[in-house]
Amino acid sequence: MKVPLWVLPLALLLAGCDPPVAQHREEVPLRLYRWSPEGDLPPEPAPGEPLRVEVLLHRQGALVQAVLRTWGGLPAEGDAALLLEGPGGERAGEAYGDGKRPVAVRGRAGRPACAWWMVSLSPDPWREDETETRFYQAHGRVCEEGR
């Protein structure tokens, strides 16, 4: 049996990948936020495909890596953030992005480590005088060893 040449590099690449020690996946609904002179109104569901969020936490010895990626939903821009924490809550690294590309951070941390993540993305262009806008907003924490 003849093996295609592209299989060997792919096999070597995948051999170096350890499965995540913790992960989180969720669908974030699109919500409509409104502001008025009397105050903010509670967000309401808005029509649109949900944004999918995935956070993976990997460990190799003392080195921890977290990756946050988003896909699906309406084309949107905004902020995405990842913070790595050690077992005492000490910061081991941080990374920020626009939500269009994956955000990754590496750092050294004892066990159990956590990754705090946040996405705040809007399909609507920002205008100073707007009284309403649609957002995908979510945040959470992913920890190894059930912390």
C-alpha atoms as a PDB file:
ATOM      1  CA  MET A   1       0.000   0.000   0.000  1.00  0.00           C
ATOM      2  CA  LYS A   2       1.405   3.360  -1.025  1.00  0.00           C
ATOM      3  CA  VAL A   3       0.963   6.239   1.476  1.00  0.00           C
ATOM      4  CA  PRO A   4       0.589   9.802   0.080  1.00  0.00           C
ATOM      5  CA  LEU A   5       3.506  12.108   0.915  1.00  0.00           C
ATOM      6  CA  TRP A   6       1.295  14.620   2.778  1.00  0.00           C
ATOM      7  CA  VAL A   7       0.320  11.989   5.383  1.00  0.00           C
ATOM      8  CA  LEU A   8       3.741  11.914   7.087  1.00  0.00           C
ATOM      9  CA  PRO A   9       3.940  15.648   7.979  1.00  0.00           C
ATOM     10  CA  LEU A  10       0.319  15.570   9.144  1.00  0.00           C
ATOM     11  CA  ALA A  11       0.984  12.519  11.335  1.00  0.00           C
ATOM     12  CA  LEU A  12       4.044  14.197  12.875  1.00  0.00           C
ATOM     13  CA  LEU A  13       2.075  17.379  13.570  1.00  0.00           C
ATOM     14  CA  LEU A  14      -0.808  15.520  15.216  1.00  0.00           C
ATOM     15  CA  ALA A  15       1.533  13.352  17.286  1.00  0.00           C
ATOM     16  CA  GLY A  16       2.703  16.459  19.155  1.00  0.00           C
ATOM     17  CA  CYS A  17      -0.825  17.530  20.102  1.00  0.00           C
ATOM     18  CA  ASP A  18      -2.019  16.590  23.557  1.00  0.00           C
ATOM     19  CA  PRO A  19      -5.746  16.608  24.217  1.00  0.00           C
ATOM     20  CA  PRO A  20      -6.989  19.611  26.199  1.00  0.00           C
ATOM     21  CA  VAL A  21      -7.000  19.291  30.001  1.00  0.00           C
ATOM     22  CA  ALA A  22     -10.167  21.412  30.091  1.00  0.00           C
ATOM     23  CA  GLN A  23     -12.549  22.809  27.513  1.00  0.00           C
ATOM     24  CA  HIS A  24     -15.738  24.800  27.168  1.00  0.00           C
ATOM     25  CA  ARG A  25     -18.120  25.189  24.227  1.00  0.00           C
ATOM     26  CA  GLU A  26     -21.271  27.243  24.027  1.00  0.00           C
ATOM     27  CA  GLU A  27     -23.612  29.004  21.660  1.00  0.00           C
ATOM     28  CA  VAL A  28     -24.051  32.692  22.424  1.00  0.00           C
ATOM     29  CA  PRO A  29     -27.355  34.213  21.286  1.00  0.00           C
ATOM     30  CA  LEU A  30     -27.539  37.603  19.610  1.00  0.00           C
ATOM     31  CA  ARG A  31     -29.146  40.170  21.914  1.00  0.00           C
ATOM     32  CA  LEU A  32     -30.476  43.679  21.387  1.00  0.00           C
ATOM     33  CA  TYR A  33     -29.323  46.285  23.919  1.00  0.00           C
ATOM     34  CA  ARG A  34     -31.177  49.600  24.266  1.00  0.00           C
ATOM     35  CA  TRP A  35     -30.333  52.779  26.129  1.00  0.00           C
ATOM     36  CA  SER A  36     -32.698  55.574  27.104  1.00  0.00           C
ATOM     37  CA  PRO A  37     -32.397  58.772  29.165  1.00  0.00           C
ATOM     38  CA  GLU A  38     -34.183  56.919  31.983  1.00  0.00           C
ATOM     39  CA  GLY A  39     -31.581  54.136  31.998  1.00  0.00           C
ATOM     40  CA  ASP A  40     -30.613  50.932  30.290  1.00  0.00           C
ATOM     41  CA  LEU A  41     -33.333  48.477  29.348  1.00  0.00           C
ATOM     42  CA  PRO A  42     -32.889  44.701  29.798  1.00  0.00           C
ATOM     43  CA  PRO A  43     -31.410  43.020  26.724  1.00  0.00           C
ATOM     44  CA  GLU A  44     -33.828  41.253  24.399  1.00  0.00           C
ATOM     45  CA  PRO A  45     -33.257  38.297  22.071  1.00  0.00           C
ATOM     46  CA  ALA A  46     -32.523  39.408  18.505  1.00  0.00           C
ATOM     47  CA  PRO A  47     -32.932  37.368  15.333  1.00  0.00           C
ATOM     48  CA  GLY A  48     -29.706  35.908  14.022  1.00  0.00           C
ATOM     49  CA  GLU A  49     -27.582  32.785  14.104  1.00  0.00           C
ATOM     50  CA  PRO A  50     -25.830  32.210  17.451  1.00  0.00           C
ATOM     51  CA  LEU A  51     -22.095  32.732  17.803  1.00  0.00           C
ATOM     52  CA  ARG A  52     -20.194  29.588  18.702  1.00  0.00           C
ATOM     53  CA  VAL A  53     -17.415  29.896  21.271  1.00  0.00           C
ATOM     54  CA  GLU A  54     -14.763  27.333  22.134  1.00  0.00           C
ATOM     55  CA  VAL A  55     -12.075  27.629  24.818  1.00  0.00           C
ATOM     56  CA  LEU A  56      -9.379  24.968  25.121  1.00  0.00           C
ATOM     57  CA  LEU A  57      -6.831  24.704  27.938  1.00  0.00           C
ATOM     58  CA  HIS A  58      -3.683  22.646  27.266  1.00  0.00           C
ATOM     59  CA  ARG A  59      -0.808  21.765  29.582  1.00  0.00           C
ATOM     60  CA  GLN A  60       2.682  20.478  28.921  1.00  0.00           C
ATOM     61  CA  GLY A  61       4.622  20.358  32.185  1.00  0.00           C
ATOM     62  CA  ALA A  62       4.579  23.826  33.764  1.00  0.00           C
ATOM     63  CA  LEU A  63       3.574  25.487  30.463  1.00  0.00           C
ATOM     64  CA  VAL A  64      -0.147  26.188  30.018  1.00  0.00           C
ATOM     65  CA  GLN A  65      -1.801  27.397  26.826  1.00  0.00           C
ATOM     66  CA  ALA A  66      -5.357  28.589  26.312  1.00  0.00           C
ATOM     67  CA  VAL A  67      -7.039  29.181  22.949  1.00  0.00           C
ATOM     68  CA  LEU A  68     -10.322  31.042  22.390  1.00  0.00           C
ATOM     69  CA  ARG A  69     -12.001  30.823  19.029  1.00  0.00           C
ATOM     70  CA  THR A  70     -15.349  31.949  17.681  1.00  0.00           C
ATOM     71  CA  TRP A  71     -17.240  31.032  14.531  1.00  0.00           C
ATOM     72  CA  GLY A  72     -20.716  31.225  13.089  1.00  0.00           C
ATOM     73  CA  GLY A  73     -23.120  34.015  13.872  1.00  0.00           C
ATOM     74  CA  LEU A  74     -23.316  37.248  11.929  1.00  0.00           C
ATOM     75  CA  PRO A  75     -20.066  38.957  10.874  1.00  0.00           C
ATOM     76  CA  ALA A  76     -19.118  40.933  13.978  1.00  0.00           C
ATOM     77  CA  GLU A  77     -16.268  42.940  15.486  1.00  0.00           C
ATOM     78  CA  GLY A  78     -15.358  43.807  19.016  1.00  0.00           C
ATOM     79  CA  ASP A  79     -13.227  42.386  21.790  1.00  0.00           C
ATOM     80  CA  ALA A  80     -12.103  38.928  22.831  1.00  0.00           C
ATOM     81  CA  ALA A  81      -9.848  38.314  25.833  1.00  0.00           C
ATOM     82  CA  LEU A  82      -8.093  35.438  27.586  1.00  0.00           C
ATOM     83  CA  LEU A  83      -6.366  35.561  30.982  1.00  0.00           C
ATOM     84  CA  LEU A  84      -4.374  32.639  32.407  1.00  0.00           C
ATOM     85  CA  GLU A  85      -4.386  32.167  36.177  1.00  0.00           C
ATOM     86  CA  GLY A  86      -2.342  29.960  38.444  1.00  0.00           C
ATOM     87  CA  PRO A  87      -3.784  28.042  41.423  1.00  0.00           C
ATOM     88  CA  GLY A  88      -3.769  31.114  43.673  1.00  0.00           C
ATOM     89  CA  GLY A  89      -5.345  33.400  41.074  1.00  0.00           C
ATOM     90  CA  GLU A  90      -1.987  34.896  40.063  1.00  0.00           C
ATOM     91  CA  ARG A  91      -1.871  36.049  36.447  1.00  0.00           C
ATOM     92  CA  ALA A  92       0.275  33.856  34.184  1.00  0.00           C
ATOM     93  CA  GLY A  93      -0.505  35.566  30.863  1.00  0.00           C
ATOM     94  CA  GLU A  94      -3.067  37.525  28.897  1.00  0.00           C
ATOM     95  CA  ALA A  95      -4.043  38.030  25.264  1.00  0.00           C
ATOM     96  CA  TYR A  96      -6.589  40.151  23.433  1.00  0.00           C
ATOM     97  CA  GLY A  97      -8.123  40.100  19.969  1.00  0.00           C
ATOM     98  CA  ASP A  98     -10.932  41.355  17.789  1.00  0.00           C
ATOM     99  CA  GLY A  99     -12.928  38.103  17.706  1.00  0.00           C
ATOM    100  CA  LYS A 100     -12.210  37.508  14.021  1.00  0.00           C
ATOM    101  CA  ARG A 101      -9.166  35.305  14.649  1.00  0.00           C
ATOM    102  CA  PRO A 102      -8.383  32.892  17.475  1.00  0.00           C
ATOM    103  CA  VAL A 103      -6.831  34.370  20.616  1.00  0.00           C
ATOM    104  CA  ALA A 104      -4.081  32.333  22.290  1.00  0.00           C
ATOM    105  CA  VAL A 105      -2.009  32.850  25.427  1.00  0.00           C
ATOM    106  CA  ARG A 106       0.821  30.865  27.030  1.00  0.00           C
ATOM    107  CA  GLY A 107       2.352  31.035  30.438  1.00  0.00           C
ATOM    108  CA  ARG A 108       3.829  29.075  33.305  1.00  0.00           C
ATOM    109  CA  ALA A 109       1.403  28.136  36.057  1.00  0.00           C
ATOM    110  CA  GLY A 110       1.063  25.537  38.781  1.00  0.00           C
ATOM    111  CA  ARG A 111      -1.828  23.136  38.985  1.00  0.00           C
ATOM    112  CA  PRO A 112      -4.727  23.680  38.737  1.00  0.00           C
ATOM    113  CA  ALA A 113      -4.660  26.523  36.189  1.00  0.00           C
ATOM    114  CA  CYS A 114      -7.639  28.421  34.825  1.00  0.00           C
ATOM    115  CA  ALA A 115      -8.384  30.542  31.759  1.00  0.00           C
ATOM    116  CA  TRP A 116     -10.847  33.414  32.140  1.00  0.00           C
ATOM    117  CA  TRP A 117     -12.389  34.341  28.782  1.00  0.00           C
ATOM    118  CA  MET A 118     -14.666  37.066  27.408  1.00  0.00           C
ATOM    119  CA  VAL A 119     -16.243  37.943  24.057  1.00  0.00           C
ATOM    120  CA  SER A 120     -18.163  41.125  23.256  1.00  0.00           C
ATOM    121  CA  LEU A 121     -18.836  41.321  19.529  1.00  0.00           C
ATOM    122  CA  SER A 122     -21.321  43.385  17.554  1.00  0.00           C
ATOM    123  CA  PRO A 123     -22.503  43.041  13.970  1.00  0.00           C
ATOM    124  CA  ASP A 124     -23.561  46.723  14.014  1.00  0.00           C
ATOM    125  CA  PRO A 125     -21.121  49.533  13.222  1.00  0.00           C
ATOM    126  CA  TRP A 126     -20.542  51.789  16.221  1.00  0.00           C
ATOM    127  CA  ARG A 127     -22.214  55.218  16.138  1.00  0.00           C
ATOM    128  CA  GLU A 128     -22.032  57.690  18.979  1.00  0.00           C
ATOM    129  CA  ASP A 129     -25.702  58.690  18.806  1.00  0.00           C
ATOM    130  CA  GLU A 130     -27.154  55.149  18.633  1.00  0.00           C
ATOM    131  CA  THR A 131     -29.688  54.172  21.279  1.00  0.00           C
ATOM    132  CA  GLU A 132     -29.635  50.467  20.468  1.00  0.00           C
ATOM    133  CA  THR A 133     -27.223  47.867  19.150  1.00  0.00           C
ATOM    134  CA  ARG A 134     -26.942  44.113  18.826  1.00  0.00           C
ATOM    135  CA  PHE A 135     -24.242  42.173  20.681  1.00  0.00           C
ATOM    136  CA  TYR A 136     -22.920  38.701  21.246  1.00  0.00           C
ATOM    137  CA  GLN A 137     -21.673  38.828  24.846  1.00  0.00           C
ATOM    138  CA  ALA A 138     -20.424  36.015  27.056  1.00  0.00           C
ATOM    139  CA  HIS A 139     -17.686  35.245  29.548  1.00  0.00           C
ATOM    140  CA  GLY A 140     -16.583  32.396  31.737  1.00  0.00           C
ATOM    141  CA  ARG A 141     -13.754  30.457  33.286  1.00  0.00           C
ATOM    142  CA  VAL A 142     -12.288  27.104  32.247  1.00  0.00           C
ATOM    143  CA  CYS A 143     -10.190  25.237  34.823  1.00  0.00           C
ATOM    144  CA  GLU A 144      -8.255  22.021  34.925  1.00  0.00           C
ATOM    145  CA  GLU A 145      -8.876  19.391  37.586  1.00  0.00           C
ATOM    146  CA  GLY A 146     -12.403  20.650  38.258  1.00  0.00           C
ATOM    147  CA  ARG A 147     -11.255  23.806  40.065  1.00  0.00           C
END
